Amino acid sequence: MHKKLLVFFLLLLKLIPVSAQTSWKLSTESDGIKVYTGVFPGSKIKAVKVECEFKATASQFVAVLFDIKASPEWLYHTVSCTLVKQVSPSELYYYSEISLPWPAENRDFVAHLTATQDKATKVITINGPAVPGLVPVKKKLVRVANSSSLWTITPIGNDKLSVIYTLHVDPGGELPVWLVNMFAAEGPVQIFKKLKLQVQKPAYKNAGLAFIQN
């Protein structure tokens, strides 16, 4: 139950790194998208990792992740994503609500998104842990309070990227087994398929970010 629940919530949250993770087991693979699960020390809930390559520049990819308003276009079952606070071009807070079929209650969360790039390797890391406060807890929504996650984006030449996404999260509340199974089977692949299409949209084709070197 916990393993499948984590795969589902991997797809709903954007991104503190899962640095303590030491081993991974391949769970599913489709269209070049690999989804792994692994033991997270001190927790009964397993961590999740997704690996995928993208045909895009680093600026294109990061621009998509930081385009909060457009996130529902590629995030599975996302009702809305709203910018809460823009700290700087590379740091922001956003709020999101996730739609679940009846009888499950919708989930929501506030995330703190920050991006940094190693000047030597050009590898980009984007953290997006769920954080308390900023948006009041709402009735009939289950607030996701505890998560740690990380995007690692590595340029591999010819406008191609190797992307690794890791997450450990406690989604809270209860979900029906049939619903968990559905999202575990469909969610990860569907989101990354849409993300591949999203980065190719005209809005991001000539993206330039002052804090990213391609």
N, C-alpha and C. Protein backbone atom coordinates (compact mmCIF):
# COMPACT_ATOMS: atom_id res chain seq x y z
N MET A 1 0.82 -1.20 0.00
CA MET A 1 0.00 0.00 0.00
C MET A 1 0.86 1.26 0.00
N HIS A 2 1.82 1.33 0.93
CA HIS A 2 2.66 2.52 1.03
C HIS A 2 3.50 2.71 -0.22
N LYS A 3 4.03 1.62 -0.78
CA LYS A 3 4.89 1.71 -1.97
C LYS A 3 4.13 2.33 -3.13
N LYS A 4 2.91 1.85 -3.38
CA LYS A 4 2.12 2.34 -4.49
C LYS A 4 1.67 3.78 -4.24
N LEU A 5 1.35 4.09 -3.02
CA LEU A 5 0.93 5.44 -2.66
C LEU A 5 2.03 6.45 -2.95
N LEU A 6 3.27 6.05 -2.67
CA LEU A 6 4.40 6.95 -2.92
C LEU A 6 4.60 7.22 -4.40
N VAL A 7 4.44 6.18 -5.24
CA VAL A 7 4.60 6.39 -6.67
C VAL A 7 3.58 7.41 -7.16
N PHE A 8 2.37 7.32 -6.65
CA PHE A 8 1.33 8.28 -7.02
C PHE A 8 1.72 9.70 -6.67
N PHE A 9 2.16 9.91 -5.45
CA PHE A 9 2.46 11.27 -5.01
C PHE A 9 3.75 11.81 -5.61
N LEU A 10 4.59 10.95 -6.10
CA LEU A 10 5.76 11.41 -6.85
C LEU A 10 5.33 12.29 -8.00
N LEU A 11 4.21 11.94 -8.62
CA LEU A 11 3.77 12.63 -9.80
C LEU A 11 3.04 13.92 -9.51
N LEU A 12 2.71 14.14 -8.27
CA LEU A 12 1.90 15.29 -7.92
C LEU A 12 2.70 16.43 -7.33
N LEU A 13 3.87 16.15 -6.85
CA LEU A 13 4.67 17.18 -6.19
C LEU A 13 5.87 17.54 -7.02
N LYS A 14 6.22 18.84 -6.96
CA LYS A 14 7.46 19.21 -7.57
C LYS A 14 8.54 19.11 -6.53
N LEU A 15 9.20 19.30 -6.42
CA LEU A 15 10.34 18.94 -5.75
C LEU A 15 10.55 19.68 -4.51
N ILE A 16 14.02 18.71 -0.40
CA ILE A 16 15.21 18.34 0.22
C ILE A 16 15.57 16.97 -0.42
N PRO A 17 16.70 16.77 -0.87
CA PRO A 17 17.12 15.59 -1.59
C PRO A 17 16.99 14.33 -0.76
N VAL A 18 16.79 13.19 -1.45
CA VAL A 18 16.73 11.91 -0.77
C VAL A 18 18.16 11.36 -0.73
N SER A 19 19.03 12.07 -0.02
CA SER A 19 20.45 11.77 -0.05
C SER A 19 20.82 10.49 0.67
N ALA A 20 19.97 10.06 1.60
CA ALA A 20 20.27 8.85 2.37
C ALA A 20 19.95 7.58 1.59
N GLN A 21 19.30 7.72 0.42
CA GLN A 21 18.93 6.55 -0.36
C GLN A 21 20.17 5.85 -0.90
N THR A 22 20.22 4.51 -0.80
CA THR A 22 21.41 3.79 -1.21
C THR A 22 21.17 2.74 -2.29
N SER A 23 19.96 2.22 -2.42
CA SER A 23 19.69 1.18 -3.41
C SER A 23 18.31 1.35 -4.00
N TRP A 24 18.19 0.98 -5.28
CA TRP A 24 16.92 1.14 -6.00
C TRP A 24 16.55 -0.15 -6.71
N LYS A 25 15.25 -0.38 -6.83
CA LYS A 25 14.73 -1.53 -7.57
C LYS A 25 13.80 -1.03 -8.67
N LEU A 26 14.05 -1.45 -9.91
CA LEU A 26 13.23 -1.00 -11.03
C LEU A 26 11.79 -1.50 -10.86
N SER A 27 10.85 -0.56 -10.88
CA SER A 27 9.44 -0.90 -10.71
C SER A 27 8.71 -1.00 -12.05
N THR A 28 8.97 -0.03 -12.93
CA THR A 28 8.34 -0.05 -14.25
C THR A 28 9.18 0.73 -15.24
N GLU A 29 9.06 0.40 -16.52
CA GLU A 29 9.79 1.10 -17.58
C GLU A 29 8.91 1.18 -18.81
N SER A 30 8.80 2.37 -19.38
CA SER A 30 7.98 2.56 -20.57
C SER A 30 8.44 3.80 -21.31
N ASP A 31 8.64 3.70 -22.62
CA ASP A 31 9.01 4.83 -23.46
C ASP A 31 10.21 5.60 -22.93
N GLY A 32 11.20 4.86 -22.43
CA GLY A 32 12.42 5.50 -21.93
C GLY A 32 12.28 6.11 -20.55
N ILE A 33 11.17 5.88 -19.90
CA ILE A 33 10.92 6.41 -18.56
C ILE A 33 11.05 5.26 -17.56
N LYS A 34 11.99 5.36 -16.65
CA LYS A 34 12.23 4.31 -15.67
C LYS A 34 11.81 4.79 -14.28
N VAL A 35 11.00 3.99 -13.60
CA VAL A 35 10.54 4.31 -12.26
C VAL A 35 11.08 3.26 -11.29
N TYR A 36 11.78 3.72 -10.25
CA TYR A 36 12.38 2.84 -9.25
C TYR A 36 11.78 3.12 -7.88
N THR A 37 11.83 2.11 -7.00
CA THR A 37 11.52 2.31 -5.59
C THR A 37 12.71 1.83 -4.76
N GLY A 38 12.85 2.36 -3.55
CA GLY A 38 13.98 1.98 -2.70
C GLY A 38 13.67 2.21 -1.23
N VAL A 39 14.46 1.56 -0.38
CA VAL A 39 14.29 1.68 1.06
C VAL A 39 14.82 3.02 1.53
N PHE A 40 14.03 3.73 2.31
CA PHE A 40 14.45 4.99 2.90
C PHE A 40 14.71 4.75 4.38
N PRO A 41 15.95 4.96 4.85
CA PRO A 41 16.29 4.66 6.25
C PRO A 41 15.36 5.33 7.25
N GLY A 42 14.88 4.53 8.22
CA GLY A 42 14.05 5.07 9.29
C GLY A 42 12.60 5.29 8.93
N SER A 43 12.18 4.83 7.74
CA SER A 43 10.80 5.03 7.32
C SER A 43 10.23 3.75 6.72
N LYS A 44 8.96 3.50 6.99
CA LYS A 44 8.27 2.38 6.37
C LYS A 44 7.83 2.70 4.95
N ILE A 45 7.80 3.99 4.63
CA ILE A 45 7.40 4.42 3.29
C ILE A 45 8.62 4.46 2.38
N LYS A 46 8.53 3.83 1.25
CA LYS A 46 9.67 3.76 0.34
C LYS A 46 9.83 5.04 -0.48
N ALA A 47 11.06 5.29 -0.87
CA ALA A 47 11.37 6.42 -1.75
C ALA A 47 11.18 6.00 -3.20
N VAL A 48 11.05 6.98 -4.09
CA VAL A 48 10.84 6.75 -5.51
C VAL A 48 11.84 7.55 -6.33
N LYS A 49 12.27 6.97 -7.43
CA LYS A 49 13.16 7.67 -8.35
C LYS A 49 12.67 7.46 -9.79
N VAL A 50 12.70 8.53 -10.59
CA VAL A 50 12.37 8.45 -12.01
C VAL A 50 13.56 8.93 -12.82
N GLU A 51 13.91 8.18 -13.86
CA GLU A 51 15.00 8.56 -14.77
C GLU A 51 14.44 8.69 -16.18
N CYS A 52 14.87 9.75 -16.89
CA CYS A 52 14.38 9.97 -18.25
C CYS A 52 15.31 10.94 -18.97
N GLU A 53 15.43 10.79 -20.29
CA GLU A 53 16.17 11.74 -21.09
C GLU A 53 15.21 12.64 -21.86
N PHE A 54 15.62 13.91 -22.04
CA PHE A 54 14.78 14.89 -22.72
C PHE A 54 15.56 15.56 -23.85
N LYS A 55 14.88 15.85 -24.94
CA LYS A 55 15.44 16.64 -26.02
C LYS A 55 15.08 18.10 -25.75
N ALA A 56 15.98 18.79 -25.07
CA ALA A 56 15.72 20.17 -24.67
C ALA A 56 16.99 20.77 -24.10
N THR A 57 17.02 22.09 -24.05
CA THR A 57 18.12 22.77 -23.36
C THR A 57 17.78 22.84 -21.87
N ALA A 58 18.79 23.12 -21.07
CA ALA A 58 18.58 23.25 -19.63
C ALA A 58 17.59 24.38 -19.33
N SER A 59 17.73 25.49 -20.07
CA SER A 59 16.83 26.62 -19.85
C SER A 59 15.39 26.26 -20.19
N GLN A 60 15.18 25.51 -21.27
CA GLN A 60 13.84 25.07 -21.62
C GLN A 60 13.21 24.27 -20.49
N PHE A 61 13.96 23.29 -20.00
CA PHE A 61 13.43 22.39 -18.99
C PHE A 61 13.11 23.12 -17.69
N VAL A 62 14.04 23.95 -17.24
CA VAL A 62 13.83 24.68 -15.99
C VAL A 62 12.69 25.68 -16.14
N ALA A 63 12.59 26.28 -17.31
CA ALA A 63 11.50 27.23 -17.55
C ALA A 63 10.14 26.55 -17.40
N VAL A 64 10.04 25.31 -17.85
CA VAL A 64 8.79 24.55 -17.69
C VAL A 64 8.48 24.32 -16.22
N LEU A 65 9.49 23.88 -15.46
CA LEU A 65 9.27 23.60 -14.04
C LEU A 65 8.90 24.85 -13.26
N PHE A 66 9.41 26.00 -13.68
CA PHE A 66 9.13 27.25 -12.97
C PHE A 66 7.91 27.99 -13.53
N ASP A 67 7.30 27.45 -14.56
CA ASP A 67 6.07 28.04 -15.09
C ASP A 67 4.90 27.44 -14.31
N ILE A 68 4.69 27.94 -13.12
CA ILE A 68 3.72 27.35 -12.19
C ILE A 68 2.31 27.34 -12.76
N LYS A 69 1.90 28.41 -13.37
CA LYS A 69 0.54 28.52 -13.88
C LYS A 69 0.23 27.43 -14.91
N ALA A 70 1.23 27.04 -15.70
CA ALA A 70 1.02 26.05 -16.76
C ALA A 70 1.22 24.61 -16.29
N SER A 71 1.60 24.40 -15.05
CA SER A 71 1.88 23.06 -14.55
C SER A 71 0.73 22.06 -14.71
N PRO A 72 -0.54 22.48 -14.56
CA PRO A 72 -1.63 21.52 -14.75
C PRO A 72 -1.70 20.94 -16.16
N GLU A 73 -1.01 21.55 -17.12
CA GLU A 73 -1.01 21.02 -18.47
C GLU A 73 -0.27 19.69 -18.58
N TRP A 74 0.64 19.42 -17.62
CA TRP A 74 1.39 18.16 -17.70
C TRP A 74 1.39 17.35 -16.41
N LEU A 75 0.96 17.94 -15.31
CA LEU A 75 0.89 17.22 -14.05
C LEU A 75 -0.45 16.49 -13.92
N TYR A 76 -0.37 15.20 -13.70
CA TYR A 76 -1.52 14.31 -13.65
C TYR A 76 -2.52 14.72 -12.55
N HIS A 77 -3.79 14.92 -12.94
CA HIS A 77 -4.88 15.21 -12.01
C HIS A 77 -4.65 16.45 -11.14
N THR A 78 -3.93 17.41 -11.68
CA THR A 78 -3.70 18.66 -10.95
C THR A 78 -4.81 19.66 -11.28
N VAL A 79 -5.54 20.08 -10.25
CA VAL A 79 -6.62 21.04 -10.43
C VAL A 79 -6.06 22.42 -10.72
N SER A 80 -5.06 22.82 -9.91
CA SER A 80 -4.51 24.16 -10.07
C SER A 80 -3.13 24.25 -9.42
N CYS A 81 -2.33 25.16 -9.94
CA CYS A 81 -1.05 25.53 -9.34
C CYS A 81 -1.00 27.05 -9.31
N THR A 82 -0.75 27.62 -8.13
CA THR A 82 -0.78 29.06 -7.97
C THR A 82 0.50 29.56 -7.32
N LEU A 83 1.10 30.57 -7.91
CA LEU A 83 2.28 31.18 -7.33
C LEU A 83 1.89 31.89 -6.04
N VAL A 84 2.58 31.57 -4.95
CA VAL A 84 2.32 32.20 -3.65
C VAL A 84 3.28 33.35 -3.41
N LYS A 85 4.57 33.11 -3.70
CA LYS A 85 5.59 34.13 -3.45
C LYS A 85 6.79 33.91 -4.36
N GLN A 86 7.20 34.94 -5.10
CA GLN A 86 8.40 34.88 -5.94
C GLN A 86 9.54 35.55 -5.19
N VAL A 87 10.46 34.76 -4.66
CA VAL A 87 11.56 35.29 -3.87
C VAL A 87 12.63 35.88 -4.79
N SER A 88 12.95 35.17 -5.86
CA SER A 88 13.93 35.59 -6.85
C SER A 88 13.65 34.78 -8.12
N PRO A 89 14.37 35.06 -9.23
CA PRO A 89 14.12 34.26 -10.44
C PRO A 89 14.32 32.76 -10.24
N SER A 90 15.15 32.37 -9.25
CA SER A 90 15.45 30.95 -9.03
C SER A 90 14.82 30.39 -7.76
N GLU A 91 13.92 31.12 -7.14
CA GLU A 91 13.29 30.66 -5.89
C GLU A 91 11.86 31.18 -5.78
N LEU A 92 10.94 30.26 -5.47
CA LEU A 92 9.55 30.66 -5.31
C LEU A 92 8.81 29.66 -4.41
N TYR A 93 7.61 30.08 -3.99
CA TYR A 93 6.68 29.21 -3.27
C TYR A 93 5.42 29.09 -4.11
N TYR A 94 4.84 27.88 -4.18
CA TYR A 94 3.59 27.72 -4.92
C TYR A 94 2.65 26.78 -4.18
N TYR A 95 1.37 26.92 -4.49
CA TYR A 95 0.32 26.10 -3.88
C TYR A 95 -0.36 25.28 -4.98
N SER A 96 -0.66 24.02 -4.67
CA SER A 96 -1.30 23.16 -5.67
C SER A 96 -2.38 22.30 -5.04
N GLU A 97 -3.43 22.06 -5.80
CA GLU A 97 -4.49 21.13 -5.39
C GLU A 97 -4.56 19.98 -6.39
N ILE A 98 -4.71 18.76 -5.88
CA ILE A 98 -4.76 17.55 -6.69
C ILE A 98 -6.15 16.94 -6.62
N SER A 99 -6.71 16.63 -7.76
CA SER A 99 -8.04 16.05 -7.82
C SER A 99 -7.98 14.53 -7.76
N LEU A 100 -8.78 13.94 -6.88
CA LEU A 100 -8.90 12.49 -6.78
C LEU A 100 -10.36 12.09 -6.96
N PRO A 101 -10.61 10.95 -7.60
CA PRO A 101 -12.01 10.50 -7.78
C PRO A 101 -12.66 10.18 -6.44
N TRP A 102 -13.99 10.35 -6.37
CA TRP A 102 -14.76 9.99 -5.20
C TRP A 102 -14.55 8.50 -4.90
N PRO A 103 -14.42 8.09 -3.65
CA PRO A 103 -14.72 8.85 -2.43
C PRO A 103 -13.50 9.49 -1.78
N ALA A 104 -12.37 9.47 -2.45
CA ALA A 104 -11.15 10.02 -1.87
C ALA A 104 -11.23 11.54 -1.81
N GLU A 105 -10.61 12.13 -0.80
CA GLU A 105 -10.56 13.58 -0.68
C GLU A 105 -9.39 14.12 -1.48
N ASN A 106 -9.58 15.29 -2.07
CA ASN A 106 -8.49 15.93 -2.79
C ASN A 106 -7.34 16.24 -1.84
N ARG A 107 -6.13 16.32 -2.39
CA ARG A 107 -4.94 16.69 -1.63
C ARG A 107 -4.48 18.08 -2.06
N ASP A 108 -3.77 18.75 -1.15
CA ASP A 108 -3.12 20.01 -1.52
C ASP A 108 -1.81 20.15 -0.76
N PHE A 109 -0.99 21.07 -1.20
CA PHE A 109 0.31 21.27 -0.58
C PHE A 109 0.88 22.63 -0.98
N VAL A 110 1.82 23.12 -0.16
CA VAL A 110 2.61 24.30 -0.51
C VAL A 110 4.05 23.83 -0.65
N ALA A 111 4.70 24.19 -1.74
CA ALA A 111 6.08 23.77 -1.99
C ALA A 111 7.01 24.97 -2.13
N HIS A 112 8.25 24.79 -1.72
CA HIS A 112 9.30 25.80 -1.82
C HIS A 112 10.28 25.36 -2.89
N LEU A 113 10.25 26.00 -4.03
CA LEU A 113 11.04 25.58 -5.20
C LEU A 113 12.29 26.45 -5.34
N THR A 114 13.47 25.82 -5.35
CA THR A 114 14.73 26.54 -5.52
C THR A 114 15.61 25.82 -6.53
N ALA A 115 16.31 26.58 -7.36
CA ALA A 115 17.19 26.01 -8.38
C ALA A 115 18.61 26.53 -8.22
N THR A 116 19.60 25.65 -8.35
CA THR A 116 21.01 26.02 -8.34
C THR A 116 21.73 25.26 -9.45
N GLN A 117 22.81 25.85 -9.95
CA GLN A 117 23.59 25.20 -11.00
C GLN A 117 25.07 25.23 -10.66
N ASP A 118 25.73 24.08 -10.84
CA ASP A 118 27.17 23.98 -10.68
C ASP A 118 27.83 24.62 -11.90
N LYS A 119 28.63 25.66 -11.69
CA LYS A 119 29.21 26.39 -12.81
C LYS A 119 30.19 25.55 -13.62
N ALA A 120 30.84 24.59 -12.98
CA ALA A 120 31.82 23.75 -13.67
C ALA A 120 31.15 22.65 -14.50
N THR A 121 30.23 21.93 -13.88
CA THR A 121 29.60 20.79 -14.57
C THR A 121 28.30 21.17 -15.29
N LYS A 122 27.73 22.32 -14.93
CA LYS A 122 26.45 22.80 -15.45
C LYS A 122 25.26 21.93 -15.00
N VAL A 123 25.49 21.05 -14.05
CA VAL A 123 24.40 20.24 -13.50
C VAL A 123 23.50 21.12 -12.65
N ILE A 124 22.21 21.01 -12.86
CA ILE A 124 21.22 21.81 -12.14
C ILE A 124 20.49 20.94 -11.13
N THR A 125 20.31 21.46 -9.93
CA THR A 125 19.50 20.77 -8.93
C THR A 125 18.35 21.68 -8.53
N ILE A 126 17.16 21.08 -8.44
CA ILE A 126 15.97 21.83 -8.06
C ILE A 126 15.28 21.12 -6.91
N ASN A 127 15.23 21.79 -5.78
CA ASN A 127 14.55 21.26 -4.60
C ASN A 127 13.15 21.85 -4.51
N GLY A 128 12.21 21.05 -3.97
CA GLY A 128 10.85 21.55 -3.81
C GLY A 128 10.11 20.89 -2.68
N PRO A 129 10.63 20.94 -1.46
CA PRO A 129 9.93 20.29 -0.34
C PRO A 129 8.61 20.97 -0.02
N ALA A 130 7.67 20.19 0.48
CA ALA A 130 6.44 20.77 1.01
C ALA A 130 6.76 21.51 2.29
N VAL A 131 6.13 22.67 2.47
CA VAL A 131 6.40 23.50 3.64
C VAL A 131 5.09 23.90 4.31
N PRO A 132 5.12 24.13 5.63
CA PRO A 132 3.91 24.54 6.35
C PRO A 132 3.64 26.02 6.17
N GLY A 133 2.42 26.41 6.47
CA GLY A 133 2.08 27.83 6.45
C GLY A 133 1.84 28.37 5.05
N LEU A 134 1.83 29.69 4.95
CA LEU A 134 1.64 30.45 3.72
C LEU A 134 0.21 30.37 3.18
N VAL A 135 -0.37 29.18 3.16
CA VAL A 135 -1.75 29.01 2.71
C VAL A 135 -2.51 28.26 3.80
N PRO A 136 -3.62 28.82 4.30
CA PRO A 136 -4.38 28.14 5.35
C PRO A 136 -4.86 26.76 4.92
N VAL A 137 -4.92 25.82 5.87
CA VAL A 137 -5.47 24.50 5.59
C VAL A 137 -6.95 24.64 5.26
N LYS A 138 -7.39 23.93 4.23
CA LYS A 138 -8.76 24.08 3.75
C LYS A 138 -9.61 22.86 4.10
N LYS A 139 -10.90 23.12 4.31
CA LYS A 139 -11.83 22.03 4.59
C LYS A 139 -11.96 21.11 3.38
N LYS A 140 -12.16 19.83 3.65
CA LYS A 140 -12.36 18.80 2.63
C LYS A 140 -11.13 18.56 1.76
N LEU A 141 -9.98 19.10 2.16
CA LEU A 141 -8.72 18.83 1.48
C LEU A 141 -7.73 18.26 2.49
N VAL A 142 -6.97 17.23 2.09
CA VAL A 142 -5.94 16.66 2.95
C VAL A 142 -4.62 17.33 2.61
N ARG A 143 -4.03 18.03 3.56
CA ARG A 143 -2.78 18.75 3.33
C ARG A 143 -1.59 17.80 3.41
N VAL A 144 -0.79 17.76 2.35
CA VAL A 144 0.47 17.00 2.33
C VAL A 144 1.51 17.83 3.06
N ALA A 145 1.98 17.34 4.22
CA ALA A 145 2.83 18.15 5.08
C ALA A 145 4.30 17.75 5.03
N ASN A 146 4.60 16.48 4.74
CA ASN A 146 5.99 16.00 4.83
C ASN A 146 6.45 15.41 3.50
N SER A 147 7.42 16.06 2.88
CA SER A 147 8.01 15.52 1.66
C SER A 147 9.43 16.03 1.47
N SER A 148 10.26 15.25 0.80
CA SER A 148 11.62 15.67 0.43
C SER A 148 11.87 15.17 -0.97
N SER A 149 12.31 16.07 -1.85
CA SER A 149 12.43 15.68 -3.25
C SER A 149 13.49 16.50 -3.98
N LEU A 150 13.89 16.01 -5.14
CA LEU A 150 15.00 16.65 -5.87
C LEU A 150 14.96 16.30 -7.36
N TRP A 151 15.09 17.33 -8.18
CA TRP A 151 15.37 17.15 -9.61
C TRP A 151 16.89 17.31 -9.81
N THR A 152 17.51 16.42 -10.55
CA THR A 152 18.90 16.57 -10.97
C THR A 152 18.92 16.56 -12.49
N ILE A 153 19.34 17.66 -13.09
CA ILE A 153 19.26 17.85 -14.53
C ILE A 153 20.68 17.98 -15.08
N THR A 154 21.10 17.02 -15.89
CA THR A 154 22.47 16.98 -16.39
C THR A 154 22.50 17.12 -17.91
N PRO A 155 23.12 18.19 -18.46
CA PRO A 155 23.28 18.30 -19.92
C PRO A 155 24.20 17.19 -20.44
N ILE A 156 23.79 16.53 -21.53
CA ILE A 156 24.60 15.43 -22.09
C ILE A 156 24.97 15.69 -23.55
N GLY A 157 24.86 16.95 -24.00
CA GLY A 157 25.28 17.32 -25.34
C GLY A 157 24.14 17.34 -26.34
N ASN A 158 24.31 18.14 -27.39
CA ASN A 158 23.33 18.24 -28.48
C ASN A 158 21.93 18.57 -27.97
N ASP A 159 21.86 19.50 -27.04
CA ASP A 159 20.58 19.92 -26.47
C ASP A 159 19.79 18.74 -25.92
N LYS A 160 20.49 17.85 -25.25
CA LYS A 160 19.85 16.72 -24.58
C LYS A 160 20.16 16.77 -23.08
N LEU A 161 19.21 16.27 -22.30
CA LEU A 161 19.35 16.27 -20.85
C LEU A 161 19.07 14.90 -20.27
N SER A 162 19.82 14.56 -19.23
CA SER A 162 19.51 13.39 -18.41
C SER A 162 18.87 13.91 -17.13
N VAL A 163 17.66 13.47 -16.86
CA VAL A 163 16.92 13.98 -15.71
C VAL A 163 16.65 12.85 -14.71
N ILE A 164 16.99 13.09 -13.45
CA ILE A 164 16.69 12.15 -12.36
C ILE A 164 15.86 12.88 -11.32
N TYR A 165 14.74 12.29 -10.97
CA TYR A 165 13.83 12.88 -9.99
C TYR A 165 13.64 11.91 -8.84
N THR A 166 13.93 12.33 -7.61
CA THR A 166 13.77 11.47 -6.44
C THR A 166 12.83 12.12 -5.44
N LEU A 167 12.12 11.26 -4.69
CA LEU A 167 11.14 11.77 -3.75
C LEU A 167 10.90 10.79 -2.61
N HIS A 168 10.79 11.34 -1.39
CA HIS A 168 10.26 10.60 -0.25
C HIS A 168 9.21 11.48 0.40
N VAL A 169 8.00 10.95 0.56
CA VAL A 169 6.89 11.79 1.04
C VAL A 169 5.90 10.95 1.83
N ASP A 170 5.31 11.57 2.85
CA ASP A 170 4.19 10.99 3.58
C ASP A 170 2.94 11.74 3.14
N PRO A 171 2.10 11.16 2.30
CA PRO A 171 0.95 11.88 1.75
C PRO A 171 -0.17 12.13 2.74
N GLY A 172 -0.20 11.42 3.85
CA GLY A 172 -1.25 11.62 4.85
C GLY A 172 -2.60 11.08 4.40
N GLY A 173 -3.50 10.94 5.33
CA GLY A 173 -4.85 10.49 5.02
C GLY A 173 -4.90 9.05 4.54
N GLU A 174 -6.03 8.66 4.01
CA GLU A 174 -6.24 7.31 3.49
C GLU A 174 -6.71 7.39 2.04
N LEU A 175 -6.29 6.42 1.23
CA LEU A 175 -6.75 6.33 -0.15
C LEU A 175 -7.24 4.91 -0.43
N PRO A 176 -8.32 4.74 -1.20
CA PRO A 176 -8.79 3.40 -1.55
C PRO A 176 -7.74 2.65 -2.36
N VAL A 177 -7.66 1.33 -2.15
CA VAL A 177 -6.65 0.53 -2.84
C VAL A 177 -6.79 0.63 -4.34
N TRP A 178 -8.03 0.62 -4.87
CA TRP A 178 -8.21 0.67 -6.32
C TRP A 178 -7.67 1.96 -6.92
N LEU A 179 -7.82 3.05 -6.16
CA LEU A 179 -7.35 4.34 -6.64
C LEU A 179 -5.82 4.40 -6.63
N VAL A 180 -5.23 3.90 -5.56
CA VAL A 180 -3.78 3.86 -5.46
C VAL A 180 -3.19 3.03 -6.60
N ASN A 181 -3.79 1.88 -6.87
CA ASN A 181 -3.31 1.00 -7.94
C ASN A 181 -3.40 1.66 -9.30
N MET A 182 -4.48 2.39 -9.52
CA MET A 182 -4.66 3.06 -10.81
C MET A 182 -3.57 4.09 -11.06
N PHE A 183 -3.32 4.93 -10.07
CA PHE A 183 -2.32 5.98 -10.24
C PHE A 183 -0.90 5.41 -10.28
N ALA A 184 -0.66 4.36 -9.51
CA ALA A 184 0.67 3.74 -9.51
C ALA A 184 1.00 3.18 -10.88
N ALA A 185 -0.02 2.66 -11.57
CA ALA A 185 0.20 2.06 -12.88
C ALA A 185 0.32 3.10 -13.99
N GLU A 186 -0.46 4.17 -13.89
CA GLU A 186 -0.57 5.12 -15.00
C GLU A 186 0.19 6.43 -14.79
N GLY A 187 0.26 6.90 -13.55
CA GLY A 187 0.73 8.24 -13.27
C GLY A 187 2.12 8.59 -13.73
N PRO A 188 3.16 7.85 -13.29
CA PRO A 188 4.53 8.25 -13.61
C PRO A 188 4.81 8.37 -15.09
N VAL A 189 4.40 7.38 -15.85
CA VAL A 189 4.67 7.39 -17.29
C VAL A 189 3.89 8.50 -17.97
N GLN A 190 2.62 8.68 -17.60
CA GLN A 190 1.81 9.71 -18.24
C GLN A 190 2.37 11.11 -18.00
N ILE A 191 2.82 11.37 -16.79
CA ILE A 191 3.36 12.70 -16.49
C ILE A 191 4.62 12.99 -17.27
N PHE A 192 5.53 12.02 -17.32
CA PHE A 192 6.78 12.27 -18.02
C PHE A 192 6.59 12.31 -19.53
N LYS A 193 5.62 11.59 -20.05
CA LYS A 193 5.28 11.71 -21.47
C LYS A 193 4.83 13.14 -21.78
N LYS A 194 3.96 13.66 -20.94
CA LYS A 194 3.45 15.02 -21.16
C LYS A 194 4.55 16.06 -20.95
N LEU A 195 5.46 15.78 -20.02
CA LEU A 195 6.56 16.70 -19.78
C LEU A 195 7.47 16.79 -21.00
N LYS A 196 7.67 15.65 -21.68
CA LYS A 196 8.46 15.66 -22.91
C LYS A 196 7.83 16.56 -23.97
N LEU A 197 6.52 16.54 -24.06
CA LEU A 197 5.81 17.39 -25.02
C LEU A 197 5.81 18.84 -24.58
N GLN A 198 5.69 19.05 -23.28
CA GLN A 198 5.61 20.41 -22.74
C GLN A 198 6.85 21.22 -23.05
N VAL A 199 8.03 20.62 -22.92
CA VAL A 199 9.28 21.36 -23.13
C VAL A 199 9.47 21.76 -24.59
N GLN A 200 8.71 21.14 -25.50
CA GLN A 200 8.83 21.47 -26.92
C GLN A 200 7.85 22.55 -27.38
N LYS A 201 7.01 23.02 -26.48
CA LYS A 201 6.04 24.05 -26.87
C LYS A 201 6.74 25.37 -27.19
N PRO A 202 6.17 26.15 -28.11
CA PRO A 202 6.79 27.41 -28.54
C PRO A 202 7.13 28.36 -27.39
N ALA A 203 6.35 28.34 -26.33
CA ALA A 203 6.57 29.26 -25.21
C ALA A 203 7.93 29.06 -24.56
N TYR A 204 8.51 27.86 -24.72
CA TYR A 204 9.79 27.56 -24.06
C TYR A 204 10.94 27.39 -25.05
N LYS A 205 10.66 27.47 -26.33
CA LYS A 205 11.67 27.19 -27.35
C LYS A 205 12.90 28.05 -27.21
N ASN A 206 12.72 29.34 -26.97
CA ASN A 206 13.85 30.27 -26.86
C ASN A 206 14.03 30.76 -25.43
N ALA A 207 13.67 29.92 -24.49
CA ALA A 207 13.75 30.30 -23.08
C ALA A 207 15.18 30.66 -22.69
N GLY A 208 15.31 31.74 -21.95
CA GLY A 208 16.61 32.16 -21.42
C GLY A 208 16.45 32.55 -19.97
N LEU A 209 17.22 31.94 -19.10
CA LEU A 209 17.15 32.23 -17.68
C LEU A 209 18.50 32.71 -17.20
N ALA A 210 18.51 33.82 -16.48
CA ALA A 210 19.76 34.44 -16.06
C ALA A 210 20.58 33.53 -15.13
N PHE A 211 19.92 32.64 -14.41
CA PHE A 211 20.62 31.78 -13.45
C PHE A 211 20.97 30.40 -14.02
N ILE A 212 20.73 30.21 -15.35
CA ILE A 212 21.03 28.92 -15.99
C ILE A 212 21.97 29.14 -17.18
N GLN A 213 23.06 28.35 -17.22
CA GLN A 213 23.96 28.32 -18.37
C GLN A 213 23.72 27.04 -19.16
N ASN A 214 23.40 27.17 -20.45
CA ASN A 214 23.17 25.99 -21.28
C ASN A 214 24.48 25.35 -21.73
